[in-house]
Amino acid sequence: MREGELAIGAHHPRPARDWHLPAPYDWRAALAVLLVALALIWSGNRMEVDKMLGLTGEAVLSAVGVQETSQVGRGLGRMLGALFPFVIEDRQELARLPKLDRAALPMFTRIEAVEVTTFRMNAETLKAEPQVEIKEYLVHPFGYLTKVLGKMVETFEIAIWATIISVLLSLPLAFFGARNYTPNRFAYSASRGVVSFLRAMPELIIAMFLVLGFGFGAIAGYLALGLHGAGFLGKFYAEDIEAADRKPQEALTALGAGKLRVLRAAVLPQVAPSYVAYTLYILDRNVRMAAVIGLVGAGGIGQELKGRYDTFEYGHVGTILLVIFLTVFVLDQVSARVRARLIG
């Protein structure tokens, strides 16, 4: 009877006054938070966070009409205003085309005469005097748009070849970088070290060095993107191999299958959808980054963008940005459909 009463009493909940909940934090956590806050305050002063917040606040107040104008609004307004209208035509001065036959102009082209005001030094008065000249231009209605599309195709080719290089390099790195398949500790450490090094080197820095060796053009571009992408894919591929379900692998191993056969038959079917998703992400990223590394001469549309920006031809810059946006948007939609089909 006594044992039964004890057993029944053991299931009775304790009253609330007897509860003892551990504190959500102790003095160590409070000290760590305090140190992080002090570090952020120090860093914020160096990074001029207060100035950023002030200028941003002025821009917001100006946008809603509370304040008349702001420094950020003026700067961005001038830039955005200069981007429009987009330039899609190409103009060539006739004086630079001595062999042009006016009677047989290229298809869809026309000749336009434009009044241009120039200033020339008067030898007698030593003053610059305005002079109006008539200059003739050969106008291609869609000439510049065609040029930009050609550069965008080159950028996409750079991204494709960079992705191929990334996949080819990352597969062996992933095999040797997976703990359950690497042949030895040295191979694992070497593979992980290479992957970390490739991820730590920004594409722009790699491209700058490769331009010195391979010269300006696409070669330096897709090599730089391919090497950097191999660092990411090698890490993601290896982690998926390690996280794959062990039961199918153990079953094939018990039947006498070797590591490569187990990897192909038991691991690859599990990780294939993730591998495709990772590869599509790298391709999408390479398209965007190919436009950036062109700024250092590594081919693609970035070279054209930098040239037009440096000469203050913002209408041309707007056209380039629009083409880049549309390309990335279409590629993102295609990638989403492919991933959904693989997963679904």
C-alpha atoms as a PDB file:
ATOM      1  CA  MET A   1       0.000   0.000   0.000  1.00  0.00           C
ATOM      2  CA  ARG A   2       2.792   2.353   0.881  1.00  0.00           C
ATOM      3  CA  GLU A   3       4.574   1.635  -2.403  1.00  0.00           C
ATOM      4  CA  GLY A   4       1.381   2.329  -4.368  1.00  0.00           C
ATOM      5  CA  GLU A   5       0.906   5.658  -2.660  1.00  0.00           C
ATOM      6  CA  LEU A   6       4.490   6.622  -3.414  1.00  0.00           C
ATOM      7  CA  ALA A   7       4.068   5.601  -7.037  1.00  0.00           C
ATOM      8  CA  ILE A   8       0.904   7.676  -7.394  1.00  0.00           C
ATOM      9  CA  GLY A   9       2.494  10.632  -5.658  1.00  0.00           C
ATOM     10  CA  ALA A  10       5.491  10.502  -7.929  1.00  0.00           C
ATOM     11  CA  HIS A  11       3.296  11.551 -10.856  1.00  0.00           C
ATOM     12  CA  HIS A  12       1.865  14.599  -9.129  1.00  0.00           C
ATOM     13  CA  PRO A  13       3.278  17.873 -10.546  1.00  0.00           C
ATOM     14  CA  ARG A  14       5.322  20.056  -8.258  1.00  0.00           C
ATOM     15  CA  PRO A  15       3.794  23.384  -7.206  1.00  0.00           C
ATOM     16  CA  ALA A  16       4.973  26.488  -9.037  1.00  0.00           C
ATOM     17  CA  ARG A  17       6.822  27.783  -5.979  1.00  0.00           C
ATOM     18  CA  ASP A  18       9.167  24.805  -6.180  1.00  0.00           C
ATOM     19  CA  TRP A  19      10.129  25.378  -9.825  1.00  0.00           C
ATOM     20  CA  HIS A  20      13.729  26.381 -10.425  1.00  0.00           C
ATOM     21  CA  LEU A  21      14.311  27.601 -13.979  1.00  0.00           C
ATOM     22  CA  PRO A  22      17.895  28.306 -15.049  1.00  0.00           C
ATOM     23  CA  ALA A  23      18.648  31.925 -15.848  1.00  0.00           C
ATOM     24  CA  PRO A  24      18.520  32.691 -19.604  1.00  0.00           C
ATOM     25  CA  TYR A  25      21.973  34.255 -19.322  1.00  0.00           C
ATOM     26  CA  ASP A  26      24.780  34.621 -16.822  1.00  0.00           C
ATOM     27  CA  TRP A  27      27.436  37.225 -16.205  1.00  0.00           C
ATOM     28  CA  ARG A  28      29.619  35.803 -18.964  1.00  0.00           C
ATOM     29  CA  ALA A  29      26.902  36.264 -21.580  1.00  0.00           C
ATOM     30  CA  ALA A  30      26.182  39.796 -20.290  1.00  0.00           C
ATOM     31  CA  LEU A  31      29.888  40.650 -20.478  1.00  0.00           C
ATOM     32  CA  ALA A  32      30.118  39.265 -24.017  1.00  0.00           C
ATOM     33  CA  VAL A  33      27.118  41.352 -25.118  1.00  0.00           C
ATOM     34  CA  LEU A  34      28.650  44.452 -23.530  1.00  0.00           C
ATOM     35  CA  LEU A  35      31.973  43.890 -25.299  1.00  0.00           C
ATOM     36  CA  VAL A  36      30.224  43.355 -28.646  1.00  0.00           C
ATOM     37  CA  ALA A  37      28.216  46.548 -28.139  1.00  0.00           C
ATOM     38  CA  LEU A  38      31.377  48.544 -27.339  1.00  0.00           C
ATOM     39  CA  ALA A  39      33.113  47.084 -30.407  1.00  0.00           C
ATOM     40  CA  LEU A  40      30.161  48.035 -32.614  1.00  0.00           C
ATOM     41  CA  ILE A  41      30.144  51.581 -31.213  1.00  0.00           C
ATOM     42  CA  TRP A  42      33.877  51.916 -31.920  1.00  0.00           C
ATOM     43  CA  SER A  43      33.533  50.449 -35.401  1.00  0.00           C
ATOM     44  CA  GLY A  44      30.444  52.524 -36.153  1.00  0.00           C
ATOM     45  CA  ASN A  45      32.396  55.683 -35.413  1.00  0.00           C
ATOM     46  CA  ARG A  46      35.146  54.594 -37.825  1.00  0.00           C
ATOM     47  CA  MET A  47      32.618  53.630 -40.520  1.00  0.00           C
ATOM     48  CA  GLU A  48      30.671  56.900 -40.087  1.00  0.00           C
ATOM     49  CA  VAL A  49      27.406  55.121 -39.360  1.00  0.00           C
ATOM     50  CA  ASP A  50      26.011  58.293 -37.779  1.00  0.00           C
ATOM     51  CA  LYS A  51      26.676  60.211 -40.998  1.00  0.00           C
ATOM     52  CA  MET A  52      25.034  57.449 -43.040  1.00  0.00           C
ATOM     53  CA  LEU A  53      21.926  57.507 -40.851  1.00  0.00           C
ATOM     54  CA  GLY A  54      21.754  61.304 -41.011  1.00  0.00           C
ATOM     55  CA  LEU A  55      22.028  61.463 -44.805  1.00  0.00           C
ATOM     56  CA  THR A  56      19.560  58.609 -45.204  1.00  0.00           C
ATOM     57  CA  GLY A  57      17.096  60.348 -42.908  1.00  0.00           C
ATOM     58  CA  GLU A  58      17.408  63.555 -44.914  1.00  0.00           C
ATOM     59  CA  ALA A  59      16.773  61.625 -48.134  1.00  0.00           C
ATOM     60  CA  VAL A  60      13.644  60.006 -46.656  1.00  0.00           C
ATOM     61  CA  LEU A  61      12.321  63.341 -45.392  1.00  0.00           C
ATOM     62  CA  SER A  62      12.984  64.898 -48.783  1.00  0.00           C
ATOM     63  CA  ALA A  63      11.195  62.025 -50.533  1.00  0.00           C
ATOM     64  CA  VAL A  64       8.025  62.453 -48.433  1.00  0.00           C
ATOM     65  CA  GLY A  65       8.082  66.243 -48.820  1.00  0.00           C
ATOM     66  CA  VAL A  66       9.003  67.220 -45.272  1.00  0.00           C
ATOM     67  CA  GLN A  67      12.404  68.535 -46.308  1.00  0.00           C
ATOM     68  CA  GLU A  68      13.068  70.471 -49.482  1.00  0.00           C
ATOM     69  CA  THR A  69      16.213  68.714 -50.688  1.00  0.00           C
ATOM     70  CA  SER A  70      19.007  66.381 -49.580  1.00  0.00           C
ATOM     71  CA  GLN A  71      22.554  65.559 -50.593  1.00  0.00           C
ATOM     72  CA  VAL A  72      21.732  61.921 -51.351  1.00  0.00           C
ATOM     73  CA  GLY A  73      18.651  62.884 -53.340  1.00  0.00           C
ATOM     74  CA  ARG A  74      20.565  65.392 -55.452  1.00  0.00           C
ATOM     75  CA  GLY A  75      23.380  62.973 -56.230  1.00  0.00           C
ATOM     76  CA  LEU A  76      21.195  59.992 -57.059  1.00  0.00           C
ATOM     77  CA  GLY A  77      18.703  62.186 -58.883  1.00  0.00           C
ATOM     78  CA  ARG A  78      21.357  63.523 -61.248  1.00  0.00           C
ATOM     79  CA  MET A  79      22.636  60.013 -61.936  1.00  0.00           C
ATOM     80  CA  LEU A  80      19.225  58.408 -62.443  1.00  0.00           C
ATOM     81  CA  GLY A  81      18.093  61.301 -64.604  1.00  0.00           C
ATOM     82  CA  ALA A  82      21.143  60.911 -66.832  1.00  0.00           C
ATOM     83  CA  LEU A  83      20.413  57.214 -67.386  1.00  0.00           C
ATOM     84  CA  PHE A  84      17.264  58.059 -69.349  1.00  0.00           C
ATOM     85  CA  PRO A  85      16.439  57.875 -72.139  1.00  0.00           C
ATOM     86  CA  PHE A  86      18.254  54.637 -72.924  1.00  0.00           C
ATOM     87  CA  VAL A  87      20.560  54.847 -75.922  1.00  0.00           C
ATOM     88  CA  ILE A  88      19.969  52.115 -78.486  1.00  0.00           C
ATOM     89  CA  GLU A  89      21.312  53.781 -81.624  1.00  0.00           C
ATOM     90  CA  ASP A  90      24.906  54.142 -82.716  1.00  0.00           C
ATOM     91  CA  ARG A  91      26.365  57.264 -84.327  1.00  0.00           C
ATOM     92  CA  GLN A  92      29.519  57.499 -86.429  1.00  0.00           C
ATOM     93  CA  GLU A  93      30.868  60.778 -87.735  1.00  0.00           C
ATOM     94  CA  LEU A  94      30.978  60.770 -91.535  1.00  0.00           C
ATOM     95  CA  ALA A  95      34.361  62.506 -91.499  1.00  0.00           C
ATOM     96  CA  ARG A  96      35.778  59.285 -90.056  1.00  0.00           C
ATOM     97  CA  LEU A  97      34.193  57.135 -92.787  1.00  0.00           C
ATOM     98  CA  PRO A  98      35.934  58.334 -95.984  1.00  0.00           C
ATOM     99  CA  LYS A  99      34.992  55.202 -97.943  1.00  0.00           C
ATOM    100  CA  LEU A 100      31.274  55.448 -97.226  1.00  0.00           C
ATOM    101  CA  ASP A 101      29.092  55.570-100.337  1.00  0.00           C
ATOM    102  CA  ARG A 102      26.184  57.911 -99.672  1.00  0.00           C
ATOM    103  CA  ALA A 103      24.228  56.296-102.470  1.00  0.00           C
ATOM    104  CA  ALA A 104      24.534  52.822-100.939  1.00  0.00           C
ATOM    105  CA  LEU A 105      24.088  53.168 -97.191  1.00  0.00           C
ATOM    106  CA  PRO A 106      23.969  50.056 -95.009  1.00  0.00           C
ATOM    107  CA  MET A 107      20.493  48.678 -94.310  1.00  0.00           C
ATOM    108  CA  PHE A 108      18.353  50.642 -91.821  1.00  0.00           C
ATOM    109  CA  THR A 109      20.937  53.427 -91.509  1.00  0.00           C
ATOM    110  CA  ARG A 110      20.477  57.126 -92.212  1.00  0.00           C
ATOM    111  CA  ILE A 111      22.526  60.319 -92.299  1.00  0.00           C
ATOM    112  CA  GLU A 112      21.782  63.115 -89.844  1.00  0.00           C
ATOM    113  CA  ALA A 113      23.184  66.655 -89.835  1.00  0.00           C
ATOM    114  CA  VAL A 114      23.671  68.200 -86.403  1.00  0.00           C
ATOM    115  CA  GLU A 115      24.715  71.710 -85.416  1.00  0.00           C
ATOM    116  CA  VAL A 116      27.654  71.572 -83.031  1.00  0.00           C
ATOM    117  CA  THR A 117      29.008  74.580 -81.135  1.00  0.00           C
ATOM    118  CA  THR A 118      32.770  74.569 -80.618  1.00  0.00           C
ATOM    119  CA  PHE A 119      35.136  77.133 -79.119  1.00  0.00           C
ATOM    120  CA  ARG A 120      38.297  78.164 -80.939  1.00  0.00           C
ATOM    121  CA  MET A 121      41.050  80.527 -79.923  1.00  0.00           C
ATOM    122  CA  ASN A 122      41.143  83.840 -81.797  1.00  0.00           C
ATOM    123  CA  ALA A 123      44.782  84.541 -82.633  1.00  0.00           C
ATOM    124  CA  GLU A 124      44.263  88.312 -82.506  1.00  0.00           C
ATOM    125  CA  THR A 125      42.179  88.684 -79.360  1.00  0.00           C
ATOM    126  CA  LEU A 126      43.477  85.513 -77.650  1.00  0.00           C
ATOM    127  CA  LYS A 127      39.920  84.707 -76.593  1.00  0.00           C
ATOM    128  CA  ALA A 128      37.876  81.575 -77.158  1.00  0.00           C
ATOM    129  CA  GLU A 129      35.072  82.352 -79.575  1.00  0.00           C
ATOM    130  CA  PRO A 130      32.065  80.091 -80.263  1.00  0.00           C
ATOM    131  CA  GLN A 131      31.682  78.699 -83.760  1.00  0.00           C
ATOM    132  CA  VAL A 132      28.764  76.704 -85.100  1.00  0.00           C
ATOM    133  CA  GLU A 133      29.633  73.748 -87.318  1.00  0.00           C
ATOM    134  CA  ILE A 134      27.469  71.276 -89.175  1.00  0.00           C
ATOM    135  CA  LYS A 135      28.517  67.697 -88.567  1.00  0.00           C
ATOM    136  CA  GLU A 136      27.034  64.706 -90.322  1.00  0.00           C
ATOM    137  CA  TYR A 137      26.584  61.345 -88.637  1.00  0.00           C
ATOM    138  CA  LEU A 138      25.774  57.884 -89.905  1.00  0.00           C
ATOM    139  CA  VAL A 139      23.058  56.625 -87.566  1.00  0.00           C
ATOM    140  CA  HIS A 140      22.403  52.918 -86.942  1.00  0.00           C
ATOM    141  CA  PRO A 141      18.937  52.839 -85.271  1.00  0.00           C
ATOM    142  CA  PHE A 142      19.696  49.706 -83.214  1.00  0.00           C
ATOM    143  CA  GLY A 143      23.472  49.717 -83.564  1.00  0.00           C
ATOM    144  CA  TYR A 144      24.373  50.207 -79.914  1.00  0.00           C
ATOM    145  CA  LEU A 145      21.728  47.798 -78.662  1.00  0.00           C
ATOM    146  CA  THR A 146      23.117  45.164 -81.030  1.00  0.00           C
ATOM    147  CA  LYS A 147      26.605  45.807 -79.691  1.00  0.00           C
ATOM    148  CA  VAL A 148      25.463  45.491 -76.081  1.00  0.00           C
ATOM    149  CA  LEU A 149      23.619  42.251 -76.832  1.00  0.00           C
ATOM    150  CA  GLY A 150      26.780  40.889 -78.421  1.00  0.00           C
ATOM    151  CA  LYS A 151      28.757  41.791 -75.300  1.00  0.00           C
ATOM    152  CA  MET A 152      26.080  40.165 -73.154  1.00  0.00           C
ATOM    153  CA  VAL A 153      26.369  36.954 -75.183  1.00  0.00           C
ATOM    154  CA  GLU A 154      30.115  37.037 -74.566  1.00  0.00           C
ATOM    155  CA  THR A 155      29.441  37.549 -70.851  1.00  0.00           C
ATOM    156  CA  PHE A 156      27.105  34.543 -70.812  1.00  0.00           C
ATOM    157  CA  GLU A 157      29.752  32.442 -72.582  1.00  0.00           C
ATOM    158  CA  ILE A 158      32.280  33.450 -69.926  1.00  0.00           C
ATOM    159  CA  ALA A 159      29.800  32.370 -67.232  1.00  0.00           C
ATOM    160  CA  ILE A 160      29.149  29.022 -68.968  1.00  0.00           C
ATOM    161  CA  TRP A 161      32.838  28.146 -69.312  1.00  0.00           C
ATOM    162  CA  ALA A 162      33.526  29.329 -65.769  1.00  0.00           C
ATOM    163  CA  THR A 163      30.782  27.022 -64.468  1.00  0.00           C
ATOM    164  CA  ILE A 164      32.172  24.076 -66.446  1.00  0.00           C
ATOM    165  CA  ILE A 165      35.631  24.686 -64.984  1.00  0.00           C
ATOM    166  CA  SER A 166      34.149  24.987 -61.489  1.00  0.00           C
ATOM    167  CA  VAL A 167      32.330  21.652 -61.782  1.00  0.00           C
ATOM    168  CA  LEU A 168      35.335  19.807 -63.224  1.00  0.00           C
ATOM    169  CA  LEU A 169      37.621  21.076 -60.468  1.00  0.00           C
ATOM    170  CA  SER A 170      35.146  20.672 -57.615  1.00  0.00           C
ATOM    171  CA  LEU A 171      34.270  16.996 -58.212  1.00  0.00           C
ATOM    172  CA  PRO A 172      37.692  15.593 -57.247  1.00  0.00           C
ATOM    173  CA  LEU A 173      37.995  18.199 -54.488  1.00  0.00           C
ATOM    174  CA  ALA A 174      34.643  17.040 -53.089  1.00  0.00           C
ATOM    175  CA  PHE A 175      35.642  13.360 -53.214  1.00  0.00           C
ATOM    176  CA  PHE A 176      38.911  13.925 -51.369  1.00  0.00           C
ATOM    177  CA  GLY A 177      37.281  16.494 -49.073  1.00  0.00           C
ATOM    178  CA  ALA A 178      34.536  14.141 -47.798  1.00  0.00           C
ATOM    179  CA  ARG A 179      35.537  12.443 -44.549  1.00  0.00           C
ATOM    180  CA  ASN A 180      33.801   9.164 -45.386  1.00  0.00           C
ATOM    181  CA  TYR A 181      35.459   8.772 -48.818  1.00  0.00           C
ATOM    182  CA  THR A 182      38.868  10.445 -48.622  1.00  0.00           C
ATOM    183  CA  PRO A 183      41.682   7.879 -48.828  1.00  0.00           C
ATOM    184  CA  ASN A 184      43.718   9.425 -46.010  1.00  0.00           C
ATOM    185  CA  ARG A 185      44.000  12.384 -43.669  1.00  0.00           C
ATOM    186  CA  PHE A 186      46.568  14.167 -45.834  1.00  0.00           C
ATOM    187  CA  ALA A 187      44.291  14.092 -48.904  1.00  0.00           C
ATOM    188  CA  TYR A 188      41.403  15.424 -46.806  1.00  0.00           C
ATOM    189  CA  SER A 189      43.447  18.309 -45.384  1.00  0.00           C
ATOM    190  CA  ALA A 190      44.936  19.174 -48.782  1.00  0.00           C
ATOM    191  CA  SER A 191      41.530  19.195 -50.470  1.00  0.00           C
ATOM    192  CA  ARG A 192      39.941  21.318 -47.763  1.00  0.00           C
ATOM    193  CA  GLY A 193      42.884  23.685 -47.855  1.00  0.00           C
ATOM    194  CA  VAL A 194      42.583  24.191 -51.620  1.00  0.00           C
ATOM    195  CA  VAL A 195      38.828  24.760 -51.308  1.00  0.00           C
ATOM    196  CA  SER A 196      39.320  27.327 -48.557  1.00  0.00           C
ATOM    197  CA  PHE A 197      42.029  29.127 -50.537  1.00  0.00           C
ATOM    198  CA  LEU A 198      39.870  29.367 -53.682  1.00  0.00           C
ATOM    199  CA  ARG A 199      36.919  30.684 -51.695  1.00  0.00           C
ATOM    200  CA  ALA A 200      39.083  33.212 -49.872  1.00  0.00           C
ATOM    201  CA  MET A 201      40.394  34.802 -53.094  1.00  0.00           C
ATOM    202  CA  PRO A 202      37.845  37.261 -54.582  1.00  0.00           C
ATOM    203  CA  GLU A 203      37.165  36.907 -58.311  1.00  0.00           C
ATOM    204  CA  LEU A 204      38.248  40.478 -58.951  1.00  0.00           C
ATOM    205  CA  ILE A 205      41.686  39.889 -57.410  1.00  0.00           C
ATOM    206  CA  ILE A 206      42.159  36.616 -59.303  1.00  0.00           C
ATOM    207  CA  ALA A 207      41.143  38.326 -62.544  1.00  0.00           C
ATOM    208  CA  MET A 208      43.649  41.148 -61.976  1.00  0.00           C
ATOM    209  CA  PHE A 209      46.514  38.649 -61.718  1.00  0.00           C
ATOM    210  CA  LEU A 210      45.303  36.516 -64.630  1.00  0.00           C
ATOM    211  CA  VAL A 211      45.022  39.580 -66.875  1.00  0.00           C
ATOM    212  CA  LEU A 212      48.755  40.094 -66.348  1.00  0.00           C
ATOM    213  CA  GLY A 213      49.423  36.567 -67.585  1.00  0.00           C
ATOM    214  CA  PHE A 214      46.775  35.992 -70.248  1.00  0.00           C
ATOM    215  CA  GLY A 215      46.177  39.587 -71.303  1.00  0.00           C
ATOM    216  CA  PHE A 216      42.883  41.433 -71.620  1.00  0.00           C
ATOM    217  CA  GLY A 217      39.943  39.326 -72.707  1.00  0.00           C
ATOM    218  CA  ALA A 218      37.649  36.464 -71.832  1.00  0.00           C
ATOM    219  CA  ILE A 219      40.329  33.909 -70.849  1.00  0.00           C
ATOM    220  CA  ALA A 220      41.216  35.716 -67.637  1.00  0.00           C
ATOM    221  CA  GLY A 221      37.499  36.170 -66.946  1.00  0.00           C
ATOM    222  CA  TYR A 222      36.313  32.580 -67.069  1.00  0.00           C
ATOM    223  CA  LEU A 223      39.446  31.262 -65.365  1.00  0.00           C
ATOM    224  CA  ALA A 224      38.989  33.677 -62.453  1.00  0.00           C
ATOM    225  CA  LEU A 225      35.317  32.827 -62.049  1.00  0.00           C
ATOM    226  CA  GLY A 226      35.957  29.107 -62.511  1.00  0.00           C
ATOM    227  CA  LEU A 227      38.624  28.945 -59.819  1.00  0.00           C
ATOM    228  CA  HIS A 228      36.567  30.902 -57.312  1.00  0.00           C
ATOM    229  CA  GLY A 229      33.418  28.894 -58.063  1.00  0.00           C
ATOM    230  CA  ALA A 230      35.314  25.617 -57.595  1.00  0.00           C
ATOM    231  CA  GLY A 231      35.955  26.631 -53.996  1.00  0.00           C
ATOM    232  CA  PHE A 232      32.244  26.985 -53.279  1.00  0.00           C
ATOM    233  CA  LEU A 233      31.106  23.902 -55.200  1.00  0.00           C
ATOM    234  CA  GLY A 234      33.885  21.767 -53.714  1.00  0.00           C
ATOM    235  CA  LYS A 235      32.704  22.654 -50.213  1.00  0.00           C
ATOM    236  CA  PHE A 236      28.987  22.146 -50.944  1.00  0.00           C
ATOM    237  CA  TYR A 237      29.530  18.898 -52.852  1.00  0.00           C
ATOM    238  CA  ALA A 238      31.722  17.418 -50.085  1.00  0.00           C
ATOM    239  CA  GLU A 239      29.263  18.321 -47.330  1.00  0.00           C
ATOM    240  CA  ASP A 240      26.392  16.680 -49.240  1.00  0.00           C
ATOM    241  CA  ILE A 241      28.442  13.503 -49.690  1.00  0.00           C
ATOM    242  CA  GLU A 242      29.089  13.409 -45.945  1.00  0.00           C
ATOM    243  CA  ALA A 243      25.405  14.028 -45.132  1.00  0.00           C
ATOM    244  CA  ALA A 244      24.027  11.366 -47.513  1.00  0.00           C
ATOM    245  CA  ASP A 245      21.989   8.515 -45.993  1.00  0.00           C
ATOM    246  CA  ARG A 246      24.382   5.799 -44.796  1.00  0.00           C
ATOM    247  CA  LYS A 247      22.012   2.816 -45.088  1.00  0.00           C
ATOM    248  CA  PRO A 248      22.210   2.344 -48.894  1.00  0.00           C
ATOM    249  CA  GLN A 249      25.985   2.814 -48.697  1.00  0.00           C
ATOM    250  CA  GLU A 250      26.324   0.205 -45.948  1.00  0.00           C
ATOM    251  CA  ALA A 251      24.167  -2.240 -47.912  1.00  0.00           C
ATOM    252  CA  LEU A 252      26.337  -1.978 -51.037  1.00  0.00           C
ATOM    253  CA  THR A 253      29.513  -2.156 -48.975  1.00  0.00           C
ATOM    254  CA  ALA A 254      28.267  -5.365 -47.351  1.00  0.00           C
ATOM    255  CA  LEU A 255      27.819  -6.825 -50.839  1.00  0.00           C
ATOM    256  CA  GLY A 256      31.459  -6.105 -51.612  1.00  0.00           C
ATOM    257  CA  ALA A 257      31.121  -2.898 -53.668  1.00  0.00           C
ATOM    258  CA  GLY A 258      34.089  -0.529 -53.710  1.00  0.00           C
ATOM    259  CA  LYS A 259      34.043   3.152 -52.753  1.00  0.00           C
ATOM    260  CA  LEU A 260      33.572   4.457 -56.292  1.00  0.00           C
ATOM    261  CA  ARG A 261      30.712   2.047 -57.007  1.00  0.00           C
ATOM    262  CA  VAL A 262      29.025   2.952 -53.717  1.00  0.00           C
ATOM    263  CA  LEU A 263      29.498   6.632 -54.482  1.00  0.00           C
ATOM    264  CA  ARG A 264      27.950   6.266 -57.933  1.00  0.00           C
ATOM    265  CA  ALA A 265      25.053   3.969 -56.965  1.00  0.00           C
ATOM    266  CA  ALA A 266      24.151   5.043 -53.420  1.00  0.00           C
ATOM    267  CA  VAL A 267      25.334   8.624 -52.980  1.00  0.00           C
ATOM    268  CA  LEU A 268      24.987  10.279 -56.386  1.00  0.00           C
ATOM    269  CA  PRO A 269      21.200   9.659 -56.707  1.00  0.00           C
ATOM    270  CA  GLN A 270      20.708  11.325 -53.322  1.00  0.00           C
ATOM    271  CA  VAL A 271      22.827  14.396 -53.959  1.00  0.00           C
ATOM    272  CA  ALA A 272      22.088  14.953 -57.678  1.00  0.00           C
ATOM    273  CA  PRO A 273      19.184  17.418 -57.156  1.00  0.00           C
ATOM    274  CA  SER A 274      21.267  19.477 -54.719  1.00  0.00           C
ATOM    275  CA  TYR A 275      24.253  19.401 -57.053  1.00  0.00           C
ATOM    276  CA  VAL A 276      22.140  20.730 -59.916  1.00  0.00           C
ATOM    277  CA  ALA A 277      20.741  23.489 -57.686  1.00  0.00           C
ATOM    278  CA  TYR A 278      24.247  24.492 -56.537  1.00  0.00           C
ATOM    279  CA  THR A 279      25.532  24.503 -60.115  1.00  0.00           C
ATOM    280  CA  LEU A 280      22.652  26.647 -61.355  1.00  0.00           C
ATOM    281  CA  TYR A 281      23.295  29.093 -58.523  1.00  0.00           C
ATOM    282  CA  ILE A 282      26.969  29.329 -59.494  1.00  0.00           C
ATOM    283  CA  LEU A 283      25.967  29.872 -63.131  1.00  0.00           C
ATOM    284  CA  ASP A 284      23.598  32.665 -62.119  1.00  0.00           C
ATOM    285  CA  ARG A 285      26.308  34.189 -59.937  1.00  0.00           C
ATOM    286  CA  ASN A 286      28.898  33.899 -62.699  1.00  0.00           C
ATOM    287  CA  VAL A 287      26.670  35.845 -65.106  1.00  0.00           C
ATOM    288  CA  ARG A 288      26.494  38.720 -62.637  1.00  0.00           C
ATOM    289  CA  MET A 289      30.154  38.555 -61.648  1.00  0.00           C
ATOM    290  CA  ALA A 290      31.284  38.348 -65.293  1.00  0.00           C
ATOM    291  CA  ALA A 291      29.952  41.877 -65.677  1.00  0.00           C
ATOM    292  CA  VAL A 292      32.009  42.983 -62.656  1.00  0.00           C
ATOM    293  CA  ILE A 293      35.370  41.429 -63.529  1.00  0.00           C
ATOM    294  CA  GLY A 294      35.134  43.094 -66.934  1.00  0.00           C
ATOM    295  CA  LEU A 295      35.987  46.298 -65.072  1.00  0.00           C
ATOM    296  CA  VAL A 296      39.593  45.073 -64.799  1.00  0.00           C
ATOM    297  CA  GLY A 297      39.765  43.992 -68.448  1.00  0.00           C
ATOM    298  CA  ALA A 298      38.636  40.373 -68.072  1.00  0.00           C
ATOM    299  CA  GLY A 299      36.215  40.500 -71.011  1.00  0.00           C
ATOM    300  CA  GLY A 300      32.459  40.680 -71.186  1.00  0.00           C
ATOM    301  CA  ILE A 301      30.064  43.554 -70.885  1.00  0.00           C
ATOM    302  CA  GLY A 302      31.932  45.012 -67.904  1.00  0.00           C
ATOM    303  CA  GLN A 303      34.586  46.520 -70.144  1.00  0.00           C
ATOM    304  CA  GLU A 304      31.944  48.341 -72.169  1.00  0.00           C
ATOM    305  CA  LEU A 305      30.223  49.490 -68.973  1.00  0.00           C
ATOM    306  CA  LYS A 306      33.420  50.937 -67.513  1.00  0.00           C
ATOM    307  CA  GLY A 307      34.325  52.701 -70.755  1.00  0.00           C
ATOM    308  CA  ARG A 308      30.942  54.402 -71.051  1.00  0.00           C
ATOM    309  CA  TYR A 309      30.852  55.314 -67.367  1.00  0.00           C
ATOM    310  CA  ASP A 310      34.322  56.883 -67.488  1.00  0.00           C
ATOM    311  CA  THR A 311      33.277  59.055 -70.456  1.00  0.00           C
ATOM    312  CA  PHE A 312      30.030  60.136 -68.691  1.00  0.00           C
ATOM    313  CA  GLU A 313      27.796  58.506 -71.325  1.00  0.00           C
ATOM    314  CA  TYR A 314      25.130  57.575 -68.821  1.00  0.00           C
ATOM    315  CA  GLY A 315      22.462  56.878 -71.439  1.00  0.00           C
ATOM    316  CA  HIS A 316      24.662  54.052 -72.712  1.00  0.00           C
ATOM    317  CA  VAL A 317      25.227  52.918 -69.114  1.00  0.00           C
ATOM    318  CA  GLY A 318      21.459  52.700 -68.624  1.00  0.00           C
ATOM    319  CA  THR A 319      21.115  50.471 -71.675  1.00  0.00           C
ATOM    320  CA  ILE A 320      23.846  48.151 -70.395  1.00  0.00           C
ATOM    321  CA  LEU A 321      22.266  47.917 -66.929  1.00  0.00           C
ATOM    322  CA  LEU A 322      18.862  47.154 -68.450  1.00  0.00           C
ATOM    323  CA  VAL A 323      20.281  44.314 -70.565  1.00  0.00           C
ATOM    324  CA  ILE A 324      22.121  42.862 -67.553  1.00  0.00           C
ATOM    325  CA  PHE A 325      18.951  43.008 -65.442  1.00  0.00           C
ATOM    326  CA  LEU A 326      16.811  41.307 -68.102  1.00  0.00           C
ATOM    327  CA  THR A 327      19.402  38.585 -68.644  1.00  0.00           C
ATOM    328  CA  VAL A 328      19.728  37.795 -64.943  1.00  0.00           C
ATOM    329  CA  PHE A 329      15.931  37.883 -64.526  1.00  0.00           C
ATOM    330  CA  VAL A 330      15.352  35.412 -67.368  1.00  0.00           C
ATOM    331  CA  LEU A 331      18.128  33.139 -66.119  1.00  0.00           C
ATOM    332  CA  ASP A 332      16.666  33.208 -62.611  1.00  0.00           C
ATOM    333  CA  GLN A 333      13.240  32.174 -63.938  1.00  0.00           C
ATOM    334  CA  VAL A 334      14.734  29.306 -65.948  1.00  0.00           C
ATOM    335  CA  SER A 335      16.808  28.138 -62.978  1.00  0.00           C
ATOM    336  CA  ALA A 336      13.763  28.217 -60.695  1.00  0.00           C
ATOM    337  CA  ARG A 337      11.788  26.064 -63.133  1.00  0.00           C
ATOM    338  CA  VAL A 338      14.616  23.544 -63.457  1.00  0.00           C
ATOM    339  CA  ARG A 339      15.043  23.300 -59.677  1.00  0.00           C
ATOM    340  CA  ALA A 340      11.293  22.924 -59.143  1.00  0.00           C
ATOM    341  CA  ARG A 341      11.128  20.122 -61.714  1.00  0.00           C
ATOM    342  CA  LEU A 342      14.036  18.280 -60.134  1.00  0.00           C
ATOM    343  CA  ILE A 343      12.727  18.607 -56.591  1.00  0.00           C
ATOM    344  CA  GLY A 344       9.076  18.066 -57.479  1.00  0.00           C
END
